[in-house]
N, C-alpha and C. Protein backbone atom coordinates (compact mmCIF):
# COMPACT_ATOMS: atom_id res chain seq x y z
N MET A 1 156.43 102.02 76.50
CA MET A 1 155.37 102.85 77.11
C MET A 1 154.00 102.57 76.48
N ASN A 2 153.98 102.15 75.21
CA ASN A 2 152.69 101.90 74.56
C ASN A 2 151.87 100.86 75.31
N GLU A 3 152.55 99.83 75.83
CA GLU A 3 151.85 98.79 76.57
C GLU A 3 151.20 99.35 77.83
N LEU A 4 151.89 100.27 78.50
CA LEU A 4 151.32 100.91 79.69
C LEU A 4 150.12 101.75 79.31
N TYR A 5 150.24 102.53 78.23
CA TYR A 5 149.11 103.34 77.78
C TYR A 5 147.92 102.46 77.40
N TRP A 6 148.22 101.28 76.82
CA TRP A 6 147.16 100.35 76.41
C TRP A 6 146.39 99.87 77.64
N LEU A 7 147.12 99.56 78.71
CA LEU A 7 146.47 99.13 79.95
C LEU A 7 145.64 100.25 80.57
N VAL A 8 146.17 101.47 80.53
CA VAL A 8 145.43 102.62 81.03
C VAL A 8 144.15 102.81 80.22
N MET A 9 144.26 102.69 78.90
CA MET A 9 143.10 102.81 78.02
C MET A 9 142.07 101.73 78.33
N LEU A 10 142.55 100.52 78.58
CA LEU A 10 141.66 99.40 78.89
C LEU A 10 140.86 99.68 80.16
N VAL A 11 141.55 100.05 81.22
CA VAL A 11 140.88 100.34 82.50
C VAL A 11 139.91 101.50 82.36
N LEU A 12 140.33 102.53 81.65
CA LEU A 12 139.49 103.71 81.46
C LEU A 12 138.20 103.37 80.74
N ASN A 13 138.29 102.55 79.70
CA ASN A 13 137.08 102.16 78.96
C ASN A 13 136.14 101.32 79.82
N PHE A 14 136.69 100.38 80.56
CA PHE A 14 135.84 99.56 81.43
C PHE A 14 135.15 100.42 82.49
N LEU A 15 135.88 101.35 83.09
CA LEU A 15 135.30 102.20 84.11
C LEU A 15 134.20 103.08 83.54
N LEU A 16 134.42 103.62 82.36
CA LEU A 16 133.43 104.52 81.76
C LEU A 16 132.15 103.79 81.36
N ILE A 17 132.31 102.59 80.80
CA ILE A 17 131.10 101.85 80.39
C ILE A 17 130.28 101.43 81.62
N MET A 18 130.96 101.06 82.70
CA MET A 18 130.24 100.67 83.90
C MET A 18 129.63 101.89 84.60
N LEU A 19 130.29 103.04 84.50
CA LEU A 19 129.73 104.27 85.04
C LEU A 19 128.47 104.64 84.29
N ALA A 20 128.50 104.51 82.95
CA ALA A 20 127.31 104.80 82.15
C ALA A 20 126.16 103.88 82.52
N LEU A 21 126.47 102.61 82.74
CA LEU A 21 125.43 101.65 83.13
C LEU A 21 124.85 102.00 84.49
N ARG A 22 125.70 102.33 85.44
CA ARG A 22 125.24 102.62 86.80
C ARG A 22 124.42 103.91 86.86
N LEU A 23 124.80 104.91 86.05
CA LEU A 23 124.10 106.18 86.07
C LEU A 23 122.77 106.14 85.34
N TRP A 24 122.74 105.45 84.17
CA TRP A 24 121.56 105.53 83.31
C TRP A 24 120.98 104.18 82.91
N GLY A 25 121.48 103.08 83.50
CA GLY A 25 120.93 101.78 83.15
C GLY A 25 121.17 101.43 81.69
N LYS A 26 120.18 100.81 81.07
CA LYS A 26 120.36 100.40 79.68
C LYS A 26 120.54 101.60 78.75
N MET A 27 119.99 102.77 79.12
CA MET A 27 120.20 103.97 78.33
C MET A 27 121.70 104.32 78.27
N GLY A 28 122.41 104.08 79.37
CA GLY A 28 123.85 104.33 79.38
C GLY A 28 124.59 103.47 78.38
N LEU A 29 124.12 102.23 78.20
CA LEU A 29 124.75 101.34 77.22
C LEU A 29 124.38 101.77 75.80
N TYR A 30 123.15 102.27 75.61
CA TYR A 30 122.78 102.83 74.31
C TYR A 30 123.67 104.01 73.96
N ILE A 31 124.05 104.78 74.96
CA ILE A 31 124.95 105.92 74.75
C ILE A 31 126.35 105.43 74.42
N TRP A 32 126.79 104.40 75.12
CA TRP A 32 128.17 103.94 74.95
C TRP A 32 128.43 103.32 73.58
N VAL A 33 127.46 102.59 73.04
CA VAL A 33 127.68 101.88 71.78
C VAL A 33 128.08 102.82 70.64
N PRO A 34 127.35 103.92 70.37
CA PRO A 34 127.82 104.83 69.31
C PRO A 34 129.14 105.51 69.64
N ILE A 35 129.38 105.79 70.93
CA ILE A 35 130.68 106.35 71.31
C ILE A 35 131.80 105.40 70.91
N SER A 36 131.63 104.12 71.23
CA SER A 36 132.67 103.13 70.94
C SER A 36 132.89 102.96 69.44
N VAL A 37 131.81 102.95 68.68
CA VAL A 37 131.93 102.75 67.23
C VAL A 37 132.62 103.94 66.57
N ILE A 38 132.22 105.15 66.92
CA ILE A 38 132.79 106.34 66.30
C ILE A 38 134.25 106.52 66.70
N LEU A 39 134.56 106.40 67.99
CA LEU A 39 135.94 106.54 68.45
C LEU A 39 136.84 105.47 67.83
N ALA A 40 136.35 104.26 67.73
CA ALA A 40 137.16 103.17 67.16
C ALA A 40 137.52 103.45 65.71
N ASN A 41 136.59 104.02 64.96
CA ASN A 41 136.84 104.27 63.54
C ASN A 41 137.75 105.47 63.32
N ILE A 42 137.89 106.32 64.31
CA ILE A 42 138.88 107.41 64.24
C ILE A 42 140.24 106.89 64.69
N GLN A 43 140.25 106.16 65.80
CA GLN A 43 141.51 105.66 66.34
C GLN A 43 142.19 104.65 65.42
N VAL A 44 141.41 103.92 64.62
CA VAL A 44 141.97 102.86 63.79
C VAL A 44 142.89 103.39 62.69
N THR A 45 142.84 104.69 62.44
CA THR A 45 143.72 105.28 61.44
C THR A 45 145.16 105.44 61.94
N LYS A 46 145.38 105.19 63.26
CA LYS A 46 146.71 105.33 63.84
C LYS A 46 147.31 103.95 64.10
N ASN A 47 148.50 103.72 63.55
CA ASN A 47 149.22 102.46 63.78
C ASN A 47 150.23 102.65 64.90
N VAL A 48 150.34 101.64 65.77
CA VAL A 48 151.28 101.68 66.88
C VAL A 48 151.95 100.31 67.01
N MET A 49 153.02 100.26 67.77
CA MET A 49 153.66 99.00 68.11
C MET A 49 153.21 98.58 69.51
N LEU A 50 152.65 97.37 69.62
CA LEU A 50 152.19 96.85 70.90
C LEU A 50 152.67 95.41 71.06
N PHE A 51 153.37 95.16 72.14
CA PHE A 51 153.84 93.81 72.44
C PHE A 51 154.62 93.20 71.27
N GLY A 52 155.40 94.05 70.60
CA GLY A 52 156.25 93.58 69.51
C GLY A 52 155.55 93.42 68.18
N MET A 53 154.29 93.80 68.08
CA MET A 53 153.53 93.68 66.83
C MET A 53 152.99 95.04 66.41
N GLU A 54 152.84 95.21 65.09
CA GLU A 54 152.20 96.42 64.60
C GLU A 54 150.69 96.25 64.71
N ALA A 55 150.05 97.24 65.29
CA ALA A 55 148.61 97.17 65.54
C ALA A 55 147.98 98.52 65.30
N THR A 56 146.66 98.50 65.09
CA THR A 56 145.91 99.74 64.98
C THR A 56 145.26 100.04 66.33
N LEU A 57 145.08 101.32 66.60
CA LEU A 57 144.33 101.69 67.80
C LEU A 57 142.84 101.44 67.57
N GLY A 58 142.09 101.56 68.61
CA GLY A 58 140.64 101.40 68.49
C GLY A 58 140.15 100.03 68.90
N ASN A 59 141.08 99.08 69.13
CA ASN A 59 140.65 97.73 69.46
C ASN A 59 139.92 97.66 70.80
N ILE A 60 140.41 98.42 71.77
CA ILE A 60 139.81 98.37 73.10
C ILE A 60 138.40 98.96 73.09
N VAL A 61 138.30 100.18 72.61
CA VAL A 61 137.00 100.86 72.67
C VAL A 61 135.98 100.13 71.79
N TYR A 62 136.43 99.57 70.67
CA TYR A 62 135.50 98.83 69.82
C TYR A 62 135.03 97.55 70.51
N ALA A 63 135.97 96.87 71.17
CA ALA A 63 135.62 95.62 71.85
C ALA A 63 134.64 95.85 72.99
N THR A 64 134.70 97.02 73.63
CA THR A 64 133.75 97.29 74.71
C THR A 64 132.33 97.43 74.20
N GLY A 65 132.17 97.67 72.91
CA GLY A 65 130.84 97.67 72.33
C GLY A 65 130.19 96.30 72.43
N PHE A 66 131.00 95.24 72.30
CA PHE A 66 130.49 93.89 72.46
C PHE A 66 130.11 93.64 73.91
N LEU A 67 130.88 94.19 74.84
CA LEU A 67 130.53 94.09 76.25
C LEU A 67 129.17 94.74 76.51
N ALA A 68 128.96 95.91 75.91
CA ALA A 68 127.69 96.62 76.09
C ALA A 68 126.51 95.81 75.57
N THR A 69 126.64 95.24 74.37
CA THR A 69 125.53 94.47 73.80
C THR A 69 125.31 93.17 74.56
N ASP A 70 126.39 92.57 75.09
CA ASP A 70 126.23 91.34 75.87
C ASP A 70 125.52 91.63 77.20
N ILE A 71 125.85 92.75 77.83
CA ILE A 71 125.16 93.13 79.07
C ILE A 71 123.68 93.38 78.78
N LEU A 72 123.40 94.07 77.69
CA LEU A 72 122.01 94.33 77.31
C LEU A 72 121.26 93.02 77.08
N SER A 73 121.91 92.10 76.39
CA SER A 73 121.27 90.82 76.11
C SER A 73 121.03 90.03 77.38
N GLU A 74 122.00 90.06 78.29
CA GLU A 74 121.89 89.31 79.55
C GLU A 74 120.81 89.89 80.46
N LEU A 75 120.77 91.22 80.59
CA LEU A 75 119.88 91.86 81.56
C LEU A 75 118.51 92.21 81.00
N TYR A 76 118.48 92.57 79.71
CA TYR A 76 117.24 93.13 79.16
C TYR A 76 116.68 92.37 77.97
N GLY A 77 117.46 91.42 77.43
CA GLY A 77 116.94 90.61 76.35
C GLY A 77 117.55 90.91 74.99
N LYS A 78 117.37 89.98 74.08
CA LYS A 78 117.96 90.03 72.74
C LYS A 78 117.51 91.27 71.96
N ARG A 79 116.25 91.65 72.12
CA ARG A 79 115.72 92.79 71.36
C ARG A 79 116.42 94.09 71.72
N GLU A 80 116.71 94.30 73.01
CA GLU A 80 117.39 95.52 73.44
C GLU A 80 118.83 95.56 72.91
N SER A 81 119.47 94.42 72.86
CA SER A 81 120.82 94.33 72.32
C SER A 81 120.82 94.68 70.83
N ALA A 82 119.84 94.17 70.09
CA ALA A 82 119.73 94.47 68.66
C ALA A 82 119.47 95.96 68.43
N LYS A 83 118.70 96.57 69.33
CA LYS A 83 118.43 98.01 69.22
C LYS A 83 119.73 98.81 69.35
N ALA A 84 120.59 98.40 70.27
CA ALA A 84 121.87 99.09 70.46
C ALA A 84 122.75 98.96 69.21
N VAL A 85 122.75 97.79 68.60
CA VAL A 85 123.52 97.59 67.36
C VAL A 85 123.00 98.52 66.25
N ALA A 86 121.68 98.65 66.15
CA ALA A 86 121.09 99.53 65.14
C ALA A 86 121.48 100.99 65.40
N ILE A 87 121.51 101.39 66.66
CA ILE A 87 121.93 102.76 67.02
C ILE A 87 123.38 102.98 66.63
N GLY A 88 124.25 102.01 66.93
CA GLY A 88 125.65 102.13 66.56
C GLY A 88 125.85 102.22 65.07
N PHE A 89 125.12 101.41 64.32
CA PHE A 89 125.22 101.42 62.86
C PHE A 89 124.81 102.78 62.30
N PHE A 90 123.68 103.30 62.78
CA PHE A 90 123.20 104.61 62.32
C PHE A 90 124.20 105.71 62.67
N SER A 91 124.77 105.66 63.86
CA SER A 91 125.71 106.68 64.30
C SER A 91 126.95 106.72 63.42
N LEU A 92 127.49 105.56 63.09
CA LEU A 92 128.67 105.50 62.23
C LEU A 92 128.34 105.99 60.82
N LEU A 93 127.20 105.58 60.31
CA LEU A 93 126.79 106.02 58.98
C LEU A 93 126.61 107.53 58.93
N ALA A 94 125.93 108.09 59.95
CA ALA A 94 125.69 109.53 60.00
C ALA A 94 127.00 110.30 60.11
N MET A 95 127.92 109.83 60.97
CA MET A 95 129.21 110.50 61.13
C MET A 95 129.99 110.51 59.82
N THR A 96 130.00 109.40 59.12
CA THR A 96 130.74 109.30 57.86
C THR A 96 130.19 110.26 56.82
N ILE A 97 128.88 110.29 56.65
CA ILE A 97 128.26 111.16 55.64
C ILE A 97 128.50 112.63 55.98
N ILE A 98 128.26 113.00 57.23
CA ILE A 98 128.40 114.40 57.63
C ILE A 98 129.84 114.88 57.49
N MET A 99 130.82 114.05 57.86
CA MET A 99 132.22 114.47 57.76
C MET A 99 132.69 114.54 56.30
N GLN A 100 132.14 113.73 55.43
CA GLN A 100 132.50 113.84 54.01
C GLN A 100 132.00 115.16 53.43
N VAL A 101 130.81 115.57 53.84
CA VAL A 101 130.29 116.87 53.40
C VAL A 101 131.12 117.99 54.00
N ALA A 102 131.53 117.84 55.26
CA ALA A 102 132.35 118.86 55.93
C ALA A 102 133.68 119.08 55.20
N LEU A 103 134.24 118.02 54.64
CA LEU A 103 135.51 118.14 53.93
C LEU A 103 135.38 118.90 52.61
N LEU A 104 134.16 119.04 52.10
CA LEU A 104 133.94 119.75 50.85
C LEU A 104 134.07 121.27 51.01
N PHE A 105 133.92 121.76 52.23
CA PHE A 105 134.02 123.20 52.47
C PHE A 105 135.44 123.69 52.17
N GLU A 106 135.53 124.81 51.48
CA GLU A 106 136.83 125.42 51.20
C GLU A 106 137.36 126.07 52.48
N PRO A 107 138.53 125.67 52.97
CA PRO A 107 139.03 126.25 54.22
C PRO A 107 139.47 127.70 54.05
N ALA A 108 139.35 128.47 55.12
CA ALA A 108 139.81 129.86 55.10
C ALA A 108 141.34 129.90 55.11
N ALA A 109 141.87 131.05 54.78
CA ALA A 109 143.33 131.19 54.73
C ALA A 109 143.97 130.94 56.09
N SER A 110 143.23 131.24 57.15
CA SER A 110 143.77 131.08 58.51
C SER A 110 143.56 129.67 59.07
N ASP A 111 142.89 128.81 58.31
CA ASP A 111 142.56 127.47 58.80
C ASP A 111 143.81 126.62 59.03
N ILE A 112 143.82 125.88 60.13
CA ILE A 112 144.93 124.98 60.40
C ILE A 112 144.48 123.51 60.53
N ALA A 113 143.17 123.28 60.49
CA ALA A 113 142.64 121.94 60.78
C ALA A 113 142.36 121.11 59.54
N HIS A 114 142.09 121.76 58.39
CA HIS A 114 141.62 121.03 57.22
C HIS A 114 142.58 119.92 56.76
N PRO A 115 143.88 120.15 56.67
CA PRO A 115 144.77 119.06 56.23
C PRO A 115 144.69 117.83 57.13
N SER A 116 144.63 118.06 58.43
CA SER A 116 144.55 116.93 59.37
C SER A 116 143.20 116.21 59.26
N LEU A 117 142.12 117.00 59.14
CA LEU A 117 140.81 116.39 58.99
C LEU A 117 140.72 115.59 57.70
N SER A 118 141.32 116.13 56.64
CA SER A 118 141.31 115.44 55.35
C SER A 118 142.08 114.13 55.43
N LEU A 119 143.20 114.16 56.15
CA LEU A 119 144.02 112.96 56.29
C LEU A 119 143.27 111.86 57.03
N VAL A 120 142.60 112.24 58.13
CA VAL A 120 141.90 111.25 58.94
C VAL A 120 140.59 110.82 58.30
N PHE A 121 139.75 111.80 57.96
CA PHE A 121 138.41 111.47 57.48
C PHE A 121 138.37 111.19 55.98
N GLY A 122 139.48 111.50 55.29
CA GLY A 122 139.56 111.13 53.88
C GLY A 122 139.62 109.63 53.70
N LEU A 123 140.16 108.93 54.71
CA LEU A 123 140.19 107.47 54.70
C LEU A 123 138.87 106.87 55.14
N MET A 124 138.00 107.70 55.72
CA MET A 124 136.83 107.19 56.41
C MET A 124 135.85 106.41 55.53
N PRO A 125 135.59 106.80 54.25
CA PRO A 125 134.62 106.02 53.48
C PRO A 125 134.97 104.54 53.40
N ARG A 126 136.24 104.23 53.09
CA ARG A 126 136.64 102.82 53.00
C ARG A 126 136.63 102.17 54.38
N ILE A 127 137.15 102.89 55.37
CA ILE A 127 137.15 102.36 56.73
C ILE A 127 135.72 102.16 57.22
N ALA A 128 134.87 103.15 56.94
CA ALA A 128 133.48 103.06 57.39
C ALA A 128 132.75 101.92 56.68
N LEU A 129 133.04 101.73 55.38
CA LEU A 129 132.40 100.62 54.65
C LEU A 129 132.78 99.29 55.30
N GLY A 130 134.09 99.11 55.53
CA GLY A 130 134.53 97.88 56.18
C GLY A 130 133.94 97.75 57.57
N SER A 131 133.90 98.85 58.30
CA SER A 131 133.39 98.82 59.65
C SER A 131 131.89 98.54 59.70
N LEU A 132 131.13 99.17 58.79
CA LEU A 132 129.69 98.96 58.77
C LEU A 132 129.34 97.51 58.47
N ILE A 133 130.02 96.94 57.46
CA ILE A 133 129.75 95.55 57.10
C ILE A 133 130.18 94.61 58.23
N ALA A 134 131.42 94.83 58.73
CA ALA A 134 131.92 93.97 59.81
C ALA A 134 131.09 94.14 61.08
N TYR A 135 130.69 95.38 61.35
CA TYR A 135 129.91 95.67 62.56
C TYR A 135 128.58 94.93 62.54
N LEU A 136 127.89 95.00 61.42
CA LEU A 136 126.59 94.34 61.33
C LEU A 136 126.72 92.83 61.45
N ILE A 137 127.63 92.25 60.66
CA ILE A 137 127.77 90.79 60.65
C ILE A 137 128.21 90.28 62.02
N SER A 138 129.25 90.89 62.58
CA SER A 138 129.81 90.39 63.84
C SER A 138 128.85 90.60 65.01
N ASN A 139 128.18 91.76 65.05
CA ASN A 139 127.28 92.03 66.16
C ASN A 139 126.00 91.21 66.09
N LEU A 140 125.49 91.00 64.88
CA LEU A 140 124.32 90.14 64.75
C LEU A 140 124.67 88.71 65.15
N HIS A 141 125.88 88.28 64.78
CA HIS A 141 126.32 86.95 65.23
C HIS A 141 126.46 86.92 66.75
N ASP A 142 127.03 87.98 67.33
CA ASP A 142 127.23 88.02 68.77
C ASP A 142 125.90 87.94 69.52
N ILE A 143 124.91 88.68 69.04
CA ILE A 143 123.59 88.66 69.68
C ILE A 143 122.99 87.27 69.59
N TRP A 144 123.07 86.68 68.38
CA TRP A 144 122.53 85.33 68.20
C TRP A 144 123.25 84.31 69.07
N ALA A 145 124.59 84.36 69.07
CA ALA A 145 125.39 83.38 69.80
C ALA A 145 125.18 83.52 71.31
N PHE A 146 125.14 84.76 71.81
CA PHE A 146 124.94 84.96 73.24
C PHE A 146 123.58 84.42 73.66
N ASP A 147 122.56 84.73 72.87
CA ASP A 147 121.22 84.24 73.18
C ASP A 147 121.16 82.71 73.10
N TYR A 148 121.86 82.15 72.11
CA TYR A 148 121.90 80.69 71.94
C TYR A 148 122.52 80.03 73.18
N TRP A 149 123.68 80.51 73.61
CA TRP A 149 124.35 79.92 74.78
C TRP A 149 123.61 80.24 76.07
N LYS A 150 122.89 81.35 76.08
CA LYS A 150 122.09 81.69 77.26
C LYS A 150 120.96 80.68 77.44
N ARG A 151 120.38 80.25 76.30
CA ARG A 151 119.31 79.25 76.37
C ARG A 151 119.87 77.84 76.62
N LYS A 152 121.05 77.56 76.06
CA LYS A 152 121.67 76.24 76.23
C LYS A 152 122.29 76.09 77.61
N LYS A 153 122.93 77.17 78.09
CA LYS A 153 123.64 77.16 79.37
C LYS A 153 123.18 78.33 80.24
N PRO A 154 121.95 78.29 80.73
CA PRO A 154 121.44 79.42 81.53
C PRO A 154 122.08 79.45 82.92
N GLY A 155 121.92 80.60 83.59
CA GLY A 155 122.38 80.70 84.96
C GLY A 155 123.64 81.51 85.13
N ARG A 156 123.88 81.94 86.37
CA ARG A 156 125.03 82.78 86.70
C ARG A 156 126.35 82.07 86.46
N ASN A 157 126.42 80.76 86.77
CA ASN A 157 127.69 80.04 86.70
C ASN A 157 128.21 79.87 85.28
N THR A 158 127.35 80.02 84.29
CA THR A 158 127.79 79.87 82.90
C THR A 158 127.80 81.20 82.15
N LEU A 159 127.65 82.29 82.88
CA LEU A 159 127.67 83.61 82.25
C LEU A 159 129.01 83.85 81.55
N TRP A 160 130.11 83.45 82.20
CA TRP A 160 131.44 83.63 81.61
C TRP A 160 131.56 82.86 80.29
N LEU A 161 130.90 81.69 80.22
CA LEU A 161 131.00 80.85 79.03
C LEU A 161 130.31 81.48 77.85
N ARG A 162 129.06 81.92 78.03
CA ARG A 162 128.33 82.50 76.90
C ARG A 162 128.93 83.85 76.51
N ASN A 163 129.44 84.59 77.49
CA ASN A 163 130.08 85.87 77.17
C ASN A 163 131.30 85.67 76.28
N ASN A 164 132.15 84.71 76.63
CA ASN A 164 133.38 84.50 75.88
C ASN A 164 133.17 83.74 74.58
N LEU A 165 132.33 82.72 74.58
CA LEU A 165 132.10 81.96 73.35
C LEU A 165 131.50 82.84 72.26
N SER A 166 130.53 83.65 72.63
CA SER A 166 129.89 84.51 71.63
C SER A 166 130.85 85.58 71.11
N THR A 167 131.64 86.15 72.04
CA THR A 167 132.51 87.26 71.66
C THR A 167 133.73 86.80 70.86
N PHE A 168 134.33 85.67 71.22
CA PHE A 168 135.54 85.22 70.53
C PHE A 168 135.30 85.03 69.03
N VAL A 169 134.22 84.37 68.69
CA VAL A 169 133.91 84.12 67.28
C VAL A 169 133.51 85.42 66.58
N SER A 170 132.72 86.22 67.26
CA SER A 170 132.28 87.49 66.68
C SER A 170 133.46 88.42 66.40
N GLN A 171 134.43 88.46 67.32
CA GLN A 171 135.60 89.30 67.13
C GLN A 171 136.45 88.81 65.96
N LEU A 172 136.53 87.50 65.76
CA LEU A 172 137.28 86.97 64.62
C LEU A 172 136.61 87.37 63.31
N ILE A 173 135.29 87.24 63.26
CA ILE A 173 134.55 87.67 62.07
C ILE A 173 134.78 89.15 61.80
N ASP A 174 134.65 89.96 62.84
CA ASP A 174 134.80 91.40 62.70
C ASP A 174 136.21 91.76 62.22
N THR A 175 137.22 91.14 62.81
CA THR A 175 138.61 91.46 62.47
C THR A 175 138.91 91.13 61.01
N LEU A 176 138.52 89.96 60.56
CA LEU A 176 138.82 89.54 59.18
C LEU A 176 138.08 90.41 58.17
N VAL A 177 136.79 90.61 58.39
CA VAL A 177 135.98 91.38 57.42
C VAL A 177 136.46 92.82 57.36
N PHE A 178 136.62 93.46 58.54
CA PHE A 178 137.01 94.86 58.55
C PHE A 178 138.40 95.09 57.97
N THR A 179 139.37 94.32 58.43
CA THR A 179 140.75 94.55 58.02
C THR A 179 140.93 94.35 56.52
N LEU A 180 140.32 93.32 55.96
CA LEU A 180 140.48 93.05 54.53
C LEU A 180 139.81 94.13 53.67
N ILE A 181 138.63 94.60 54.11
CA ILE A 181 137.95 95.65 53.34
C ILE A 181 138.67 96.99 53.48
N ALA A 182 139.07 97.33 54.71
CA ALA A 182 139.63 98.66 54.98
C ALA A 182 141.08 98.80 54.53
N PHE A 183 141.87 97.74 54.66
CA PHE A 183 143.31 97.91 54.50
C PHE A 183 143.97 97.04 53.43
N LEU A 184 143.22 96.18 52.75
CA LEU A 184 143.81 95.37 51.69
C LEU A 184 144.31 96.27 50.57
N GLY A 185 145.58 96.19 50.26
CA GLY A 185 146.17 97.06 49.24
C GLY A 185 146.71 98.36 49.78
N VAL A 186 146.34 98.70 51.02
CA VAL A 186 146.84 99.92 51.66
C VAL A 186 148.20 99.65 52.30
N TYR A 187 148.31 98.48 52.98
CA TYR A 187 149.55 98.10 53.64
C TYR A 187 150.15 96.88 52.95
N PRO A 188 151.48 96.70 53.06
CA PRO A 188 152.10 95.47 52.56
C PRO A 188 151.48 94.25 53.23
N GLN A 189 151.56 93.10 52.56
CA GLN A 189 150.92 91.89 53.07
C GLN A 189 151.43 91.52 54.47
N SER A 190 152.73 91.69 54.71
CA SER A 190 153.29 91.34 56.02
C SER A 190 152.69 92.20 57.12
N VAL A 191 152.51 93.49 56.83
CA VAL A 191 151.92 94.40 57.81
C VAL A 191 150.44 94.06 58.02
N LEU A 192 149.76 93.74 56.93
CA LEU A 192 148.34 93.40 57.01
C LEU A 192 148.12 92.17 57.89
N ILE A 193 148.97 91.16 57.72
CA ILE A 193 148.87 89.95 58.54
C ILE A 193 149.12 90.28 60.01
N GLN A 194 150.13 91.13 60.27
CA GLN A 194 150.40 91.54 61.65
C GLN A 194 149.20 92.25 62.27
N ILE A 195 148.57 93.12 61.47
CA ILE A 195 147.41 93.87 61.96
C ILE A 195 146.26 92.91 62.28
N ILE A 196 146.02 91.92 61.41
CA ILE A 196 144.95 90.95 61.65
C ILE A 196 145.21 90.18 62.94
N ILE A 197 146.43 89.68 63.08
CA ILE A 197 146.76 88.88 64.26
C ILE A 197 146.69 89.72 65.53
N SER A 198 147.34 90.90 65.49
CA SER A 198 147.38 91.74 66.69
C SER A 198 145.99 92.23 67.06
N THR A 199 145.19 92.59 66.06
CA THR A 199 143.84 93.09 66.33
C THR A 199 143.01 92.02 67.01
N TYR A 200 143.05 90.80 66.49
CA TYR A 200 142.24 89.73 67.08
C TYR A 200 142.74 89.37 68.48
N VAL A 201 144.04 89.26 68.63
CA VAL A 201 144.60 88.91 69.95
C VAL A 201 144.23 89.95 71.00
N LEU A 202 144.37 91.23 70.64
CA LEU A 202 144.06 92.30 71.60
C LEU A 202 142.57 92.32 71.94
N LYS A 203 141.72 92.12 70.93
CA LYS A 203 140.28 92.06 71.19
C LYS A 203 139.95 90.84 72.06
N TRP A 204 140.65 89.74 71.83
CA TRP A 204 140.45 88.52 72.61
C TRP A 204 140.81 88.77 74.08
N VAL A 205 141.90 89.48 74.30
CA VAL A 205 142.31 89.82 75.67
C VAL A 205 141.26 90.68 76.35
N VAL A 206 140.76 91.69 75.62
CA VAL A 206 139.71 92.56 76.17
C VAL A 206 138.48 91.74 76.53
N ALA A 207 138.11 90.79 75.65
CA ALA A 207 136.94 89.95 75.90
C ALA A 207 137.12 89.10 77.14
N MET A 208 138.34 88.58 77.34
CA MET A 208 138.62 87.79 78.53
C MET A 208 138.50 88.64 79.80
N LEU A 209 139.03 89.85 79.73
CA LEU A 209 139.07 90.71 80.91
C LEU A 209 137.73 91.37 81.22
N ASP A 210 136.80 91.38 80.26
CA ASP A 210 135.53 92.05 80.53
C ASP A 210 134.53 91.16 81.28
N THR A 211 134.86 89.86 81.44
CA THR A 211 133.94 88.93 82.09
C THR A 211 133.55 89.37 83.51
N PRO A 212 134.49 89.81 84.36
CA PRO A 212 134.08 90.27 85.70
C PRO A 212 133.07 91.41 85.66
N PHE A 213 133.14 92.23 84.62
CA PHE A 213 132.20 93.35 84.52
C PHE A 213 130.81 92.87 84.12
N MET A 214 130.74 91.74 83.40
CA MET A 214 129.45 91.12 83.13
C MET A 214 128.79 90.69 84.45
N TYR A 215 129.58 90.07 85.32
CA TYR A 215 129.06 89.64 86.62
C TYR A 215 128.68 90.83 87.50
N LEU A 216 129.47 91.89 87.43
CA LEU A 216 129.16 93.10 88.20
C LEU A 216 127.84 93.70 87.73
N ALA A 217 127.64 93.76 86.42
CA ALA A 217 126.40 94.30 85.88
C ALA A 217 125.20 93.46 86.32
N ARG A 218 125.37 92.15 86.26
CA ARG A 218 124.27 91.27 86.69
C ARG A 218 123.99 91.44 88.18
N ASN A 219 125.04 91.59 88.97
CA ASN A 219 124.88 91.78 90.42
C ASN A 219 124.14 93.08 90.72
N TRP A 220 124.51 94.15 90.02
CA TRP A 220 123.80 95.42 90.20
C TRP A 220 122.32 95.27 89.85
N ASN A 221 122.06 94.55 88.78
CA ASN A 221 120.69 94.38 88.34
C ASN A 221 119.87 93.56 89.34
N GLU A 222 120.47 92.50 89.88
CA GLU A 222 119.77 91.65 90.84
C GLU A 222 119.49 92.40 92.15
N LYS A 223 120.39 93.32 92.51
CA LYS A 223 120.21 94.10 93.73
C LYS A 223 119.44 95.41 93.48
N GLN A 224 118.93 95.53 92.23
CA GLN A 224 118.12 96.69 91.83
C GLN A 224 118.85 98.00 92.04
N LYS A 225 120.13 98.01 91.67
CA LYS A 225 120.93 99.22 91.79
C LYS A 225 121.01 100.00 90.47
N LEU A 226 120.36 99.49 89.44
CA LEU A 226 120.39 100.15 88.14
C LEU A 226 119.10 100.91 87.89
N PRO A 227 119.21 102.10 87.27
CA PRO A 227 118.00 102.86 86.92
C PRO A 227 117.12 102.07 85.96
N GLN A 228 115.83 102.19 86.12
CA GLN A 228 114.90 101.49 85.24
C GLN A 228 114.49 102.36 84.06
């Protein structure tokens, strides 16, 4: 059933990001980027079995952040994409700091949430550190690579190429940096290797499947169907 839920999650994320774009234009993508970063860092604390491998959740929603920045770069330019990355970085940093302070509060006798919050957000500093470093490095590379291939291979017919070439390498960088910082020493080596492989493969699949949505976004923009 996990594989079915994964597909449902995939479709849901694609639909929501495109809905945000259609309703609010580039502002919708600015909204989506922090949503994807924060949700991914919460979901990543849960391990599941997918396609016979142990994997962490959060791969889909995090990967859609790359789709958002690639659409921004394609339609509005490199500077707008970099702005979205900065917004995502600030959002994750703010969430981490605020939740660490929230955990300092002494819970009331009737409280039922504190143990669960402590379990999830108690891991957050290390996860957030790995995520912040990986997020910056991988997204800055993605912006640079997409812009590079856009200049080398301009035009609609090569949109799929620059979208995938930039994202594949960026996702590999992100996966290695984040997983080693966040989980090295937390899981046995065999599990850690499974997580690295499954995380990259699943992100790679998402990157492959998001290409039609890049074309849809460009089509909307050319037909002036997006808010300015």
